[in-house]
C-alpha atoms as a PDB file:
ATOM      1  CA  MET A   1     -56.150 -38.050 -76.110  1.00  0.00           C
ATOM      2  CA  LYS A   2     -56.059 -34.419 -76.812  1.00  0.00           C
ATOM      3  CA  GLN A   3     -54.604 -33.602 -80.403  1.00  0.00           C
ATOM      4  CA  LYS A   4     -51.538 -31.564 -80.903  1.00  0.00           C
ATOM      5  CA  GLU A   5     -52.342 -28.014 -82.115  1.00  0.00           C
ATOM      6  CA  THR A   6     -50.696 -27.493 -85.269  1.00  0.00           C
ATOM      7  CA  PRO A   7     -48.792 -24.630 -84.959  1.00  0.00           C
ATOM      8  CA  THR A   8     -49.144 -21.338 -87.120  1.00  0.00           C
ATOM      9  CA  THR A   9     -46.899 -21.219 -90.289  1.00  0.00           C
ATOM     10  CA  VAL A  10     -44.864 -18.210 -90.952  1.00  0.00           C
ATOM     11  CA  HIS A  11     -43.567 -17.620 -94.381  1.00  0.00           C
ATOM     12  CA  PHE A  12     -40.638 -15.428 -93.936  1.00  0.00           C
ATOM     13  CA  VAL A  13     -39.603 -13.348 -97.045  1.00  0.00           C
ATOM     14  CA  TYR A  14     -35.985 -12.229 -96.344  1.00  0.00           C
ATOM     15  CA  PRO A  15     -32.291 -12.859 -96.883  1.00  0.00           C
ATOM     16  CA  HIS A  16     -31.186 -15.658 -94.888  1.00  0.00           C
ATOM     17  CA  GLY A  17     -27.442 -16.544 -96.417  1.00  0.00           C
ATOM     18  CA  PRO A  18     -24.806 -17.516 -94.370  1.00  0.00           C
ATOM     19  CA  ARG A  19     -22.951 -14.193 -93.906  1.00  0.00           C
ATOM     20  CA  ILE A  20     -22.834 -12.760 -90.240  1.00  0.00           C
ATOM     21  CA  SER A  21     -23.925  -9.062 -91.522  1.00  0.00           C
ATOM     22  CA  THR A  22     -27.081  -7.836 -92.236  1.00  0.00           C
ATOM     23  CA  PRO A  23     -29.471  -8.457 -94.281  1.00  0.00           C
ATOM     24  CA  ASP A  24     -28.474 -12.226 -93.971  1.00  0.00           C
ATOM     25  CA  ALA A  25     -28.060 -12.122 -90.236  1.00  0.00           C
ATOM     26  CA  ILE A  26     -31.832 -10.840 -89.949  1.00  0.00           C
ATOM     27  CA  GLY A  27     -33.456 -13.593 -91.732  1.00  0.00           C
ATOM     28  CA  ARG A  28     -31.254 -16.359 -90.096  1.00  0.00           C
ATOM     29  CA  LYS A  29     -31.205 -15.116 -86.566  1.00  0.00           C
ATOM     30  CA  VAL A  30     -34.944 -14.313 -86.455  1.00  0.00           C
ATOM     31  CA  SER A  31     -36.043 -17.628 -88.129  1.00  0.00           C
ATOM     32  CA  GLU A  32     -34.011 -19.429 -85.677  1.00  0.00           C
ATOM     33  CA  ARG A  33     -36.090 -17.745 -82.811  1.00  0.00           C
ATOM     34  CA  LEU A  34     -39.292 -17.998 -84.607  1.00  0.00           C
ATOM     35  CA  GLN A  35     -39.082 -21.901 -85.033  1.00  0.00           C
ATOM     36  CA  GLU A  36     -39.262 -22.340 -81.439  1.00  0.00           C
ATOM     37  CA  ARG A  37     -42.901 -21.251 -81.288  1.00  0.00           C
ATOM     38  CA  TYR A  38     -43.660 -21.570 -85.034  1.00  0.00           C
ATOM     39  CA  LYS A  39     -43.493 -23.435 -88.325  1.00  0.00           C
ATOM     40  CA  VAL A  40     -41.039 -21.156 -90.490  1.00  0.00           C
ATOM     41  CA  VAL A  41     -40.899 -21.324 -94.237  1.00  0.00           C
ATOM     42  CA  LEU A  42     -37.773 -19.306 -95.556  1.00  0.00           C
ATOM     43  CA  TYR A  43     -37.733 -17.421 -99.160  1.00  0.00           C
ATOM     44  CA  ASN A  44     -35.448 -14.967-100.534  1.00  0.00           C
ATOM     45  CA  TRP A  45     -37.037 -11.445-100.867  1.00  0.00           C
ATOM     46  CA  ASP A  46     -36.277 -11.867-104.728  1.00  0.00           C
ATOM     47  CA  GLU A  47     -38.018 -14.689-105.540  1.00  0.00           C
ATOM     48  CA  LEU A  48     -40.610 -14.726-108.026  1.00  0.00           C
ATOM     49  CA  GLY A  49     -44.434 -16.024-107.729  1.00  0.00           C
ATOM     50  CA  ALA A  50     -46.905 -15.815-104.857  1.00  0.00           C
ATOM     51  CA  ILE A  51     -47.668 -18.162-101.754  1.00  0.00           C
ATOM     52  CA  ARG A  52     -51.250 -19.245-101.410  1.00  0.00           C
ATOM     53  CA  PRO A  53     -51.983 -18.845 -97.500  1.00  0.00           C
ATOM     54  CA  GLY A  54     -53.792 -21.465 -95.227  1.00  0.00           C
ATOM     55  CA  SER A  55     -56.105 -19.969 -92.655  1.00  0.00           C
ATOM     56  CA  ASP A  56     -53.650 -19.807 -90.141  1.00  0.00           C
ATOM     57  CA  ASP A  57     -50.744 -18.634 -92.103  1.00  0.00           C
ATOM     58  CA  VAL A  58     -48.784 -15.725 -91.624  1.00  0.00           C
ATOM     59  CA  LEU A  59     -46.730 -13.451 -94.147  1.00  0.00           C
ATOM     60  CA  LEU A  60     -43.703 -11.597 -92.714  1.00  0.00           C
ATOM     61  CA  GLY A  61     -41.046 -10.049 -94.582  1.00  0.00           C
ATOM     62  CA  HIS A  62     -39.052  -7.381 -96.822  1.00  0.00           C
ATOM     63  CA  PRO A  63     -40.991  -6.145 -99.857  1.00  0.00           C
ATOM     64  CA  HIS A  64     -38.548  -6.134-103.066  1.00  0.00           C
ATOM     65  CA  PRO A  65     -38.972  -2.903-105.171  1.00  0.00           C
ATOM     66  CA  ALA A  66     -39.801  -5.332-108.268  1.00  0.00           C
ATOM     67  CA  PRO A  67     -43.538  -5.534-108.891  1.00  0.00           C
ATOM     68  CA  GLY A  68     -43.622  -9.197-109.396  1.00  0.00           C
ATOM     69  CA  THR A  69     -41.637 -10.288-106.300  1.00  0.00           C
ATOM     70  CA  ILE A  70     -42.811 -13.040-103.922  1.00  0.00           C
ATOM     71  CA  PHE A  71     -44.047 -10.452-100.795  1.00  0.00           C
ATOM     72  CA  ARG A  72     -45.684  -8.140-102.871  1.00  0.00           C
ATOM     73  CA  ARG A  73     -47.736 -10.752-104.873  1.00  0.00           C
ATOM     74  CA  SER A  74     -48.316 -12.566-101.752  1.00  0.00           C
ATOM     75  CA  ALA A  75     -49.736  -9.918 -99.654  1.00  0.00           C
ATOM     76  CA  LYS A  76     -52.606  -9.562-102.140  1.00  0.00           C
ATOM     77  CA  GLN A  77     -53.857 -12.953-101.686  1.00  0.00           C
ATOM     78  CA  SER A  78     -56.483 -13.225 -99.287  1.00  0.00           C
ATOM     79  CA  GLY A  79     -56.744 -15.379 -96.488  1.00  0.00           C
ATOM     80  CA  TRP A  80     -53.856 -14.540 -94.034  1.00  0.00           C
ATOM     81  CA  LYS A  81     -54.165 -14.599 -90.570  1.00  0.00           C
ATOM     82  CA  ARG A  82     -51.638 -11.909 -90.609  1.00  0.00           C
ATOM     83  CA  VAL A  83     -49.606  -9.436 -93.141  1.00  0.00           C
ATOM     84  CA  ILE A  84     -46.646  -7.873 -91.587  1.00  0.00           C
ATOM     85  CA  VAL A  85     -43.867  -5.965 -93.225  1.00  0.00           C
ATOM     86  CA  LEU A  86     -40.446  -5.869 -91.954  1.00  0.00           C
ATOM     87  CA  SER A  87     -38.144  -3.554 -93.523  1.00  0.00           C
ATOM     88  CA  PRO A  88     -35.628  -0.634 -93.053  1.00  0.00           C
ATOM     89  CA  TYR A  89     -37.350   2.686 -93.084  1.00  0.00           C
ATOM     90  CA  THR A  90     -36.290   6.356 -93.380  1.00  0.00           C
ATOM     91  CA  HIS A  91     -37.978   9.452 -94.804  1.00  0.00           C
ATOM     92  CA  GLY A  92     -34.672  11.226 -95.601  1.00  0.00           C
ATOM     93  CA  SER A  93     -35.071  10.389 -99.329  1.00  0.00           C
ATOM     94  CA  VAL A  94     -38.712   9.618-100.712  1.00  0.00           C
ATOM     95  CA  ASP A  95     -37.087   7.122-103.263  1.00  0.00           C
ATOM     96  CA  CYS A  96     -36.250   5.061-100.900  1.00  0.00           C
ATOM     97  CA  ASP A  97     -39.185   4.061 -99.416  1.00  0.00           C
ATOM     98  CA  ALA A  98     -42.091   4.871-102.064  1.00  0.00           C
ATOM     99  CA  PHE A  99     -41.585   1.137-103.232  1.00  0.00           C
ATOM    100  CA  LEU A 100     -43.391  -0.338 -99.958  1.00  0.00           C
ATOM    101  CA  VAL A 101     -46.639   1.764-100.989  1.00  0.00           C
ATOM    102  CA  PRO A 102     -48.340  -1.087-102.399  1.00  0.00           C
ATOM    103  CA  ALA A 103     -47.086  -3.589 -99.510  1.00  0.00           C
ATOM    104  CA  ILE A 104     -48.165  -1.030 -96.765  1.00  0.00           C
ATOM    105  CA  LYS A 105     -51.658  -0.943 -98.163  1.00  0.00           C
ATOM    106  CA  HIS A 106     -52.220  -4.847 -97.477  1.00  0.00           C
ATOM    107  CA  CYS A 107     -50.260  -5.263 -94.401  1.00  0.00           C
ATOM    108  CA  ASP A 108     -52.019  -5.156 -90.873  1.00  0.00           C
ATOM    109  CA  LEU A 109     -48.357  -3.643 -89.468  1.00  0.00           C
ATOM    110  CA  PHE A 110     -45.026  -2.385 -90.333  1.00  0.00           C
ATOM    111  CA  LEU A 111     -42.045  -3.099 -88.487  1.00  0.00           C
ATOM    112  CA  ALA A 112     -39.855  -0.489 -89.440  1.00  0.00           C
ATOM    113  CA  ILE A 113     -36.238  -1.043 -89.049  1.00  0.00           C
ATOM    114  CA  THR A 114     -34.940   2.581 -88.310  1.00  0.00           C
ATOM    115  CA  GLY A 115     -33.360   4.530 -85.714  1.00  0.00           C
ATOM    116  CA  SER A 116     -34.556   6.913 -82.978  1.00  0.00           C
ATOM    117  CA  TYR A 117     -33.971  10.098 -85.132  1.00  0.00           C
ATOM    118  CA  TRP A 118     -36.343   8.886 -88.191  1.00  0.00           C
ATOM    119  CA  TYR A 119     -38.765   7.328 -86.147  1.00  0.00           C
ATOM    120  CA  SER A 120     -39.275  10.430 -84.096  1.00  0.00           C
ATOM    121  CA  SER A 121     -39.914  12.544 -87.090  1.00  0.00           C
ATOM    122  CA  ILE A 122     -42.415  10.248 -89.232  1.00  0.00           C
ATOM    123  CA  ASN A 123     -45.437  12.787 -88.158  1.00  0.00           C
ATOM    124  CA  ARG A 124     -43.753  15.444 -89.951  1.00  0.00           C
ATOM    125  CA  SER A 125     -42.802  13.311 -93.100  1.00  0.00           C
ATOM    126  CA  ILE A 126     -44.354  12.352 -96.386  1.00  0.00           C
ATOM    127  CA  PHE A 127     -45.258   9.071 -94.824  1.00  0.00           C
ATOM    128  CA  SER A 128     -46.980  10.112 -91.875  1.00  0.00           C
ATOM    129  CA  LYS A 129     -50.062   8.317 -92.623  1.00  0.00           C
ATOM    130  CA  TRP A 130     -48.230   5.161 -92.189  1.00  0.00           C
ATOM    131  CA  LEU A 131     -47.586   6.043 -88.392  1.00  0.00           C
ATOM    132  CA  PRO A 132     -50.789   4.059 -87.397  1.00  0.00           C
ATOM    133  CA  LYS A 133     -49.582   0.648 -88.660  1.00  0.00           C
ATOM    134  CA  MET A 134     -45.779   1.246 -87.679  1.00  0.00           C
ATOM    135  CA  VAL A 135     -43.951  -0.330 -84.999  1.00  0.00           C
ATOM    136  CA  HIS A 136     -40.460   0.883 -84.281  1.00  0.00           C
ATOM    137  CA  VAL A 137     -37.636  -1.962 -84.306  1.00  0.00           C
ATOM    138  CA  GLU A 138     -33.648  -0.984 -84.179  1.00  0.00           C
ATOM    139  CA  LEU A 139     -31.412  -3.462 -85.411  1.00  0.00           C
ATOM    140  CA  ALA A 140     -29.075  -5.920 -83.309  1.00  0.00           C
ATOM    141  CA  VAL A 141     -25.992  -7.900 -83.314  1.00  0.00           C
ATOM    142  CA  ASP A 142     -24.796 -11.166 -82.285  1.00  0.00           C
ATOM    143  CA  ARG A 143     -21.556 -10.310 -80.050  1.00  0.00           C
ATOM    144  CA  LYS A 144     -20.264 -13.862 -80.722  1.00  0.00           C
ATOM    145  CA  ASP A 145     -20.053 -13.064 -84.515  1.00  0.00           C
ATOM    146  CA  PHE A 146     -18.421  -9.588 -83.562  1.00  0.00           C
ATOM    147  CA  PRO A 147     -15.872 -10.157 -80.710  1.00  0.00           C
ATOM    148  CA  PRO A 148     -14.091  -7.365 -78.802  1.00  0.00           C
ATOM    149  CA  ILE A 149     -10.609  -6.947 -80.893  1.00  0.00           C
ATOM    150  CA  LYS A 150      -9.793  -3.335 -80.009  1.00  0.00           C
ATOM    151  CA  THR A 151      -7.533  -4.293 -76.857  1.00  0.00           C
ATOM    152  CA  HIS A 152      -5.882  -0.280 -77.299  1.00  0.00           C
ATOM    153  CA  PHE A 153      -6.203   2.886 -79.038  1.00  0.00           C
ATOM    154  CA  ASN A 154      -3.950   4.666 -81.080  1.00  0.00           C
ATOM    155  CA  GLU A 155      -2.008   7.653 -79.597  1.00  0.00           C
ATOM    156  CA  PRO A 156      -3.588  11.063 -79.742  1.00  0.00           C
ATOM    157  CA  GLY A 157      -3.144  12.858 -82.728  1.00  0.00           C
ATOM    158  CA  HIS A 158      -2.531   9.386 -84.854  1.00  0.00           C
ATOM    159  CA  ARG A 159      -5.778   7.686 -84.490  1.00  0.00           C
ATOM    160  CA  ARG A 160      -7.375   6.246 -87.335  1.00  0.00           C
ATOM    161  CA  PHE A 161     -10.891   6.261 -88.783  1.00  0.00           C
ATOM    162  CA  LEU A 162     -12.911   3.383 -90.601  1.00  0.00           C
ATOM    163  CA  TYR A 163     -15.583   3.640 -92.915  1.00  0.00           C
ATOM    164  CA  ILE A 164     -17.264   0.163 -93.803  1.00  0.00           C
ATOM    165  CA  GLY A 165     -19.983   0.401 -96.604  1.00  0.00           C
ATOM    166  CA  HIS A 166     -20.888   0.877-100.027  1.00  0.00           C
ATOM    167  CA  THR A 167     -21.233   4.248-102.118  1.00  0.00           C
ATOM    168  CA  LEU A 168     -24.799   4.483-102.730  1.00  0.00           C
ATOM    169  CA  GLY A 169     -25.998   7.627-102.598  1.00  0.00           C
ATOM    170  CA  TYR A 170     -27.768   7.704 -98.615  1.00  0.00           C
ATOM    171  CA  LYS A 171     -24.337   6.748 -97.673  1.00  0.00           C
ATOM    172  CA  ASN A 172     -23.215  10.798 -98.585  1.00  0.00           C
ATOM    173  CA  THR A 173     -19.789   9.381 -99.169  1.00  0.00           C
ATOM    174  CA  ALA A 174     -18.819  12.510-101.096  1.00  0.00           C
ATOM    175  CA  TYR A 175     -19.097  14.394 -97.606  1.00  0.00           C
ATOM    176  CA  LEU A 176     -16.740  11.814 -96.361  1.00  0.00           C
ATOM    177  CA  SER A 177     -14.364  12.932 -98.895  1.00  0.00           C
ATOM    178  CA  GLU A 178     -14.770  16.261 -97.871  1.00  0.00           C
ATOM    179  CA  LEU A 179     -13.930  15.607 -94.739  1.00  0.00           C
ATOM    180  CA  ALA A 180     -10.738  13.764 -95.727  1.00  0.00           C
ATOM    181  CA  ARG A 181      -9.566  16.997 -97.704  1.00  0.00           C
ATOM    182  CA  ALA A 182     -10.425  19.331 -94.586  1.00  0.00           C
ATOM    183  CA  MET A 183      -8.447  17.183 -92.243  1.00  0.00           C
ATOM    184  CA  PRO A 184      -5.397  15.826 -94.265  1.00  0.00           C
ATOM    185  CA  GLU A 185      -3.479  14.820 -91.136  1.00  0.00           C
ATOM    186  CA  ALA A 186      -5.887  12.266 -90.397  1.00  0.00           C
ATOM    187  CA  GLU A 187      -5.916   8.737 -91.786  1.00  0.00           C
ATOM    188  CA  ILE A 188      -9.475   7.512 -92.816  1.00  0.00           C
ATOM    189  CA  SER A 189      -9.890   4.018 -94.581  1.00  0.00           C
ATOM    190  CA  TRP A 190     -12.699   2.338 -96.271  1.00  0.00           C
ATOM    191  CA  MET A 191     -13.801  -1.318 -96.357  1.00  0.00           C
ATOM    192  CA  GLY A 192     -16.546  -2.112 -98.907  1.00  0.00           C
ATOM    193  CA  SER A 193     -17.216  -1.552-102.603  1.00  0.00           C
ATOM    194  CA  GLY A 194     -18.641   0.637-105.110  1.00  0.00           C
ATOM    195  CA  LYS A 195     -18.974   1.700-108.317  1.00  0.00           C
ATOM    196  CA  ILE A 196     -17.530   5.192-107.676  1.00  0.00           C
ATOM    197  CA  GLY A 197     -14.443   5.393-105.329  1.00  0.00           C
ATOM    198  CA  ILE A 198     -14.063   7.738-102.112  1.00  0.00           C
ATOM    199  CA  PRO A 199     -11.445  10.321-102.887  1.00  0.00           C
ATOM    200  CA  GLY A 200      -9.101  11.135 -99.886  1.00  0.00           C
ATOM    201  CA  VAL A 201      -9.755   7.725 -98.275  1.00  0.00           C
ATOM    202  CA  THR A 202      -7.783   4.870 -98.340  1.00  0.00           C
ATOM    203  CA  PRO A 203      -9.541   1.915 -99.908  1.00  0.00           C
ATOM    204  CA  LEU A 204      -8.726  -1.400 -98.227  1.00  0.00           C
ATOM    205  CA  GLY A 205     -11.437  -3.668-100.326  1.00  0.00           C
ATOM    206  CA  VAL A 206     -14.141  -5.756 -99.616  1.00  0.00           C
ATOM    207  CA  GLN A 207     -13.262  -7.615 -96.192  1.00  0.00           C
ATOM    208  CA  ASP A 208     -14.554 -11.125 -94.785  1.00  0.00           C
ATOM    209  CA  PHE A 209     -15.186 -10.261 -91.002  1.00  0.00           C
ATOM    210  CA  GLN A 210     -15.086 -13.798 -90.249  1.00  0.00           C
ATOM    211  CA  THR A 211     -11.490 -14.103 -90.845  1.00  0.00           C
ATOM    212  CA  GLU A 212      -8.974 -13.045 -88.261  1.00  0.00           C
ATOM    213  CA  GLN A 213      -6.973 -11.266 -90.665  1.00  0.00           C
ATOM    214  CA  ALA A 214      -9.817  -8.875 -91.568  1.00  0.00           C
ATOM    215  CA  ARG A 215     -10.561  -8.384 -88.036  1.00  0.00           C
ATOM    216  CA  GLN A 216      -6.769  -7.294 -87.083  1.00  0.00           C
ATOM    217  CA  LEU A 217      -7.182  -4.922 -90.013  1.00  0.00           C
ATOM    218  CA  VAL A 218     -10.286  -3.383 -88.153  1.00  0.00           C
ATOM    219  CA  ALA A 219      -8.338  -3.390 -85.038  1.00  0.00           C
ATOM    220  CA  GLU A 220      -6.036  -1.206 -86.076  1.00  0.00           C
ATOM    221  CA  HIS A 221      -8.290   1.741 -86.468  1.00  0.00           C
ATOM    222  CA  ASP A 222     -10.092   3.620 -83.593  1.00  0.00           C
ATOM    223  CA  PHE A 223     -13.191   5.113 -84.729  1.00  0.00           C
ATOM    224  CA  MET A 224     -15.878   3.711 -87.051  1.00  0.00           C
ATOM    225  CA  ILE A 225     -17.264   6.742 -89.143  1.00  0.00           C
ATOM    226  CA  THR A 226     -20.259   6.918 -91.388  1.00  0.00           C
ATOM    227  CA  VAL A 227     -21.735  10.078 -92.519  1.00  0.00           C
ATOM    228  CA  GLY A 228     -25.272   8.874 -94.445  1.00  0.00           C
ATOM    229  CA  ASN A 229     -27.923  11.322 -95.008  1.00  0.00           C
ATOM    230  CA  ALA A 230     -30.768   8.921 -95.223  1.00  0.00           C
ATOM    231  CA  ASP A 231     -29.588   6.008 -93.537  1.00  0.00           C
ATOM    232  CA  PRO A 232     -31.898   3.897 -91.643  1.00  0.00           C
ATOM    233  CA  ASN A 233     -30.097   1.822 -88.799  1.00  0.00           C
ATOM    234  CA  PRO A 234     -26.960   0.822 -90.031  1.00  0.00           C
ATOM    235  CA  THR A 235     -25.723  -2.557 -88.497  1.00  0.00           C
ATOM    236  CA  THR A 236     -22.291  -1.566 -89.073  1.00  0.00           C
ATOM    237  CA  ILE A 237     -22.551   0.882 -86.534  1.00  0.00           C
ATOM    238  CA  LEU A 238     -23.614  -1.583 -83.939  1.00  0.00           C
ATOM    239  CA  GLU A 239     -20.965  -4.406 -85.413  1.00  0.00           C
ATOM    240  CA  ALA A 240     -18.096  -1.672 -84.587  1.00  0.00           C
ATOM    241  CA  MET A 241     -19.349  -1.304 -81.309  1.00  0.00           C
ATOM    242  CA  ALA A 242     -19.145  -4.819 -80.692  1.00  0.00           C
ATOM    243  CA  TRP A 243     -15.474  -5.098 -81.767  1.00  0.00           C
ATOM    244  CA  GLY A 244     -14.459  -2.005 -79.379  1.00  0.00           C
ATOM    245  CA  LEU A 245     -14.317   0.814 -82.283  1.00  0.00           C
ATOM    246  CA  ILE A 246     -16.152   3.964 -81.340  1.00  0.00           C
ATOM    247  CA  PRO A 247     -18.718   4.843 -83.587  1.00  0.00           C
ATOM    248  CA  VAL A 248     -18.790   8.356 -85.282  1.00  0.00           C
ATOM    249  CA  CYS A 249     -22.067   9.091 -87.243  1.00  0.00           C
ATOM    250  CA  THR A 250     -24.184  11.929 -88.498  1.00  0.00           C
ATOM    251  CA  PRO A 251     -27.810  11.795 -86.642  1.00  0.00           C
ATOM    252  CA  GLN A 252     -29.233  10.902 -90.431  1.00  0.00           C
ATOM    253  CA  SER A 253     -27.757   7.468 -89.905  1.00  0.00           C
ATOM    254  CA  GLY A 254     -30.267   6.811 -87.396  1.00  0.00           C
ATOM    255  CA  TYR A 255     -28.397   6.983 -84.093  1.00  0.00           C
ATOM    256  CA  VAL A 256     -28.688   9.993 -81.899  1.00  0.00           C
ATOM    257  CA  GLY A 257     -28.735  10.604 -78.134  1.00  0.00           C
ATOM    258  CA  TYR A 258     -26.115   7.522 -77.270  1.00  0.00           C
ATOM    259  CA  PRO A 259     -23.647   8.250 -75.035  1.00  0.00           C
ATOM    260  CA  GLY A 260     -20.882   6.128 -76.744  1.00  0.00           C
ATOM    261  CA  ILE A 261     -22.106   7.332 -80.085  1.00  0.00           C
ATOM    262  CA  GLN A 262     -20.281  10.096 -81.318  1.00  0.00           C
ATOM    263  CA  ASN A 263     -22.342  12.498 -83.499  1.00  0.00           C
ATOM    264  CA  VAL A 264     -21.047  14.925 -86.265  1.00  0.00           C
ATOM    265  CA  PRO A 265     -23.156  17.330 -88.110  1.00  0.00           C
ATOM    266  CA  LEU A 266     -24.611  16.578 -92.060  1.00  0.00           C
ATOM    267  CA  ASN A 267     -22.784  18.387 -94.554  1.00  0.00           C
ATOM    268  CA  ASP A 268     -21.031  20.878 -92.144  1.00  0.00           C
ATOM    269  CA  THR A 269     -17.293  20.305 -92.537  1.00  0.00           C
ATOM    270  CA  GLY A 270     -16.071  22.783 -90.453  1.00  0.00           C
ATOM    271  CA  ALA A 271     -18.192  21.709 -87.271  1.00  0.00           C
ATOM    272  CA  ALA A 272     -17.452  18.113 -88.091  1.00  0.00           C
ATOM    273  CA  VAL A 273     -13.951  18.437 -88.334  1.00  0.00           C
ATOM    274  CA  SER A 274     -13.706  20.280 -84.999  1.00  0.00           C
ATOM    275  CA  ILE A 275     -15.514  17.230 -83.321  1.00  0.00           C
ATOM    276  CA  LEU A 276     -13.087  14.773 -85.203  1.00  0.00           C
ATOM    277  CA  ARG A 277      -9.818  16.487 -84.086  1.00  0.00           C
ATOM    278  CA  ARG A 278     -11.436  16.816 -80.315  1.00  0.00           C
ATOM    279  CA  LEU A 279     -11.708  12.952 -80.654  1.00  0.00           C
ATOM    280  CA  GLN A 280      -8.223  12.988 -81.708  1.00  0.00           C
ATOM    281  CA  ASP A 281      -7.097  14.203 -78.353  1.00  0.00           C
ATOM    282  CA  ILE A 282      -9.298  12.934 -75.845  1.00  0.00           C
ATOM    283  CA  PRO A 283      -7.742  10.721 -72.901  1.00  0.00           C
ATOM    284  CA  GLU A 284      -7.753   6.993 -73.917  1.00  0.00           C
ATOM    285  CA  GLN A 285      -9.693   6.565 -70.448  1.00  0.00           C
ATOM    286  CA  ARG A 286     -12.523   8.536 -71.783  1.00  0.00           C
ATOM    287  CA  LEU A 287     -12.602   5.990 -74.921  1.00  0.00           C
ATOM    288  CA  ARG A 288     -12.691   3.187 -72.809  1.00  0.00           C
ATOM    289  CA  GLU A 289     -15.555   4.437 -71.136  1.00  0.00           C
ATOM    290  CA  HIS A 290     -17.208   5.003 -74.257  1.00  0.00           C
ATOM    291  CA  GLN A 291     -16.291   1.385 -75.159  1.00  0.00           C
ATOM    292  CA  ALA A 292     -17.838  -0.146 -71.885  1.00  0.00           C
ATOM    293  CA  VAL A 293     -20.829   2.087 -72.284  1.00  0.00           C
ATOM    294  CA  ASN A 294     -21.458   0.401 -75.756  1.00  0.00           C
ATOM    295  CA  TRP A 295     -20.876  -2.998 -74.800  1.00  0.00           C
ATOM    296  CA  GLN A 296     -23.699  -2.870 -72.185  1.00  0.00           C
ATOM    297  CA  MET A 297     -26.019  -1.539 -74.348  1.00  0.00           C
ATOM    298  CA  LEU A 298     -25.250  -4.224 -76.823  1.00  0.00           C
ATOM    299  CA  ASP A 299     -25.925  -6.664 -74.217  1.00  0.00           C
ATOM    300  CA  GLU A 300     -29.084  -5.226 -72.819  1.00  0.00           C
ATOM    301  CA  HIS A 301     -31.048  -3.636 -75.973  1.00  0.00           C
ATOM    302  CA  PHE A 302     -29.452  -4.235 -79.252  1.00  0.00           C
ATOM    303  CA  THR A 303     -29.945  -8.231 -79.192  1.00  0.00           C
ATOM    304  CA  TRP A 304     -31.611 -10.581 -81.556  1.00  0.00           C
ATOM    305  CA  ASP A 305     -33.505 -12.252 -78.506  1.00  0.00           C
ATOM    306  CA  ARG A 306     -35.029  -8.512 -78.018  1.00  0.00           C
ATOM    307  CA  PHE A 307     -35.720  -7.922 -81.740  1.00  0.00           C
ATOM    308  CA  ALA A 308     -37.195 -11.151 -82.473  1.00  0.00           C
ATOM    309  CA  ALA A 309     -39.666 -10.819 -79.487  1.00  0.00           C
ATOM    310  CA  GLN A 310     -40.933  -7.777 -80.901  1.00  0.00           C
ATOM    311  CA  ILE A 311     -41.614  -9.774 -83.946  1.00  0.00           C
ATOM    312  CA  GLU A 312     -43.457 -12.583 -82.553  1.00  0.00           C
ATOM    313  CA  GLU A 313     -45.385  -9.955 -80.451  1.00  0.00           C
ATOM    314  CA  THR A 314     -46.501  -8.437 -83.640  1.00  0.00           C
ATOM    315  CA  ILE A 315     -47.591 -11.701 -85.209  1.00  0.00           C
ATOM    316  CA  GLU A 316     -49.727 -12.431 -81.905  1.00  0.00           C
ATOM    317  CA  SER A 317     -51.227  -9.270 -81.890  1.00  0.00           C
ATOM    318  CA  HIS A 318     -54.514  -8.662 -83.766  1.00  0.00           C
ATOM    319  CA  THR A 319     -53.974  -4.920 -84.248  1.00  0.00           C
ATOM    320  CA  SER A 320     -54.527  -3.942 -87.793  1.00  0.00           C
ATOM    321  CA  PRO A 321     -54.888  -0.059 -87.778  1.00  0.00           C
ATOM    322  CA  PRO A 322     -56.557   1.458 -90.888  1.00  0.00           C
ATOM    323  CA  VAL A 323     -54.765   4.440 -92.639  1.00  0.00           C
ATOM    324  CA  ASP A 324     -55.707   7.266 -94.692  1.00  0.00           C
ATOM    325  CA  GLN A 325     -55.469   5.933 -98.375  1.00  0.00           C
ATOM    326  CA  THR A 326     -56.660   9.198-100.210  1.00  0.00           C
ATOM    327  CA  THR A 327     -53.015  10.139-100.960  1.00  0.00           C
ATOM    328  CA  TRP A 328     -51.225   6.848-101.707  1.00  0.00           C
ATOM    329  CA  TYR A 329     -49.083   6.593-104.698  1.00  0.00           C
ATOM    330  CA  GLN A 330     -50.429   4.683-107.394  1.00  0.00           C
ATOM    331  CA  GLU A 331     -50.042   1.187-106.964  1.00  0.00           C
ATOM    332  CA  ALA A 332     -47.128  -0.280-108.866  1.00  0.00           C
END
């Protein structure tokens, strides 16, 4: 009798807790799918130590900024079948991705979670030498976790905007304050937390979107707005689309060229306000058309099956392009 082959072991370093939002959703949804083909061992991205690989073992995951953490130490070990980085990427701020340098040096491929805005301009960035190793991956959302809740839109002139997220620098929330000051007639709310507030924006606190109460609060709004200046591929945009809100974002939030996502320019208050005021007045039927287009995109492209299939293809690949290391930063 032919002995059954032992499956490849994938050591997957990524947050994988019970929350329906990312990054936990990435670790959980991807591992569920990879387990259909591989033996998957999960690790948190901030764990310490190093994994000693077997000859058929793959290291996959998200490096942590701290040097002693598990992905960074494990990637340096010899004997891996494949080493694959899976991490958000943007060159909007060098500091955002400089910590990836040591891991990129030791990996076979870099699955860059990022929007088309950023991926299309890598060759003009400080990280252009990474491009041979990079594979473009866009995020996903499980529509069962974020069901449609927006059944009707508020009346023209009384539509409401919602920001979901934190206040770290790349979210550019000071610009959101400028927009709020420039259009005092508009209602802009904020669900999330941060060490600093967002003046002019109504805080609604941290919400658990698995509860009916939080979802009903979301449903009182019409547009989800985010104005990041170096935001790779925020899942909040996809979550809002799934709920039925219309996303509004800067191109530097990663999403550009989608008919159901409205773009506003970065740090141009006058031009952005003109667009937001136009959205206040367009017929509800147009908003419903945007809603339908967005739901179709979620079903056809922004799925965890597609996301996991790209990872599986990378695991099975033999590709490991060299990169020019003459200008790499000093390794930490």
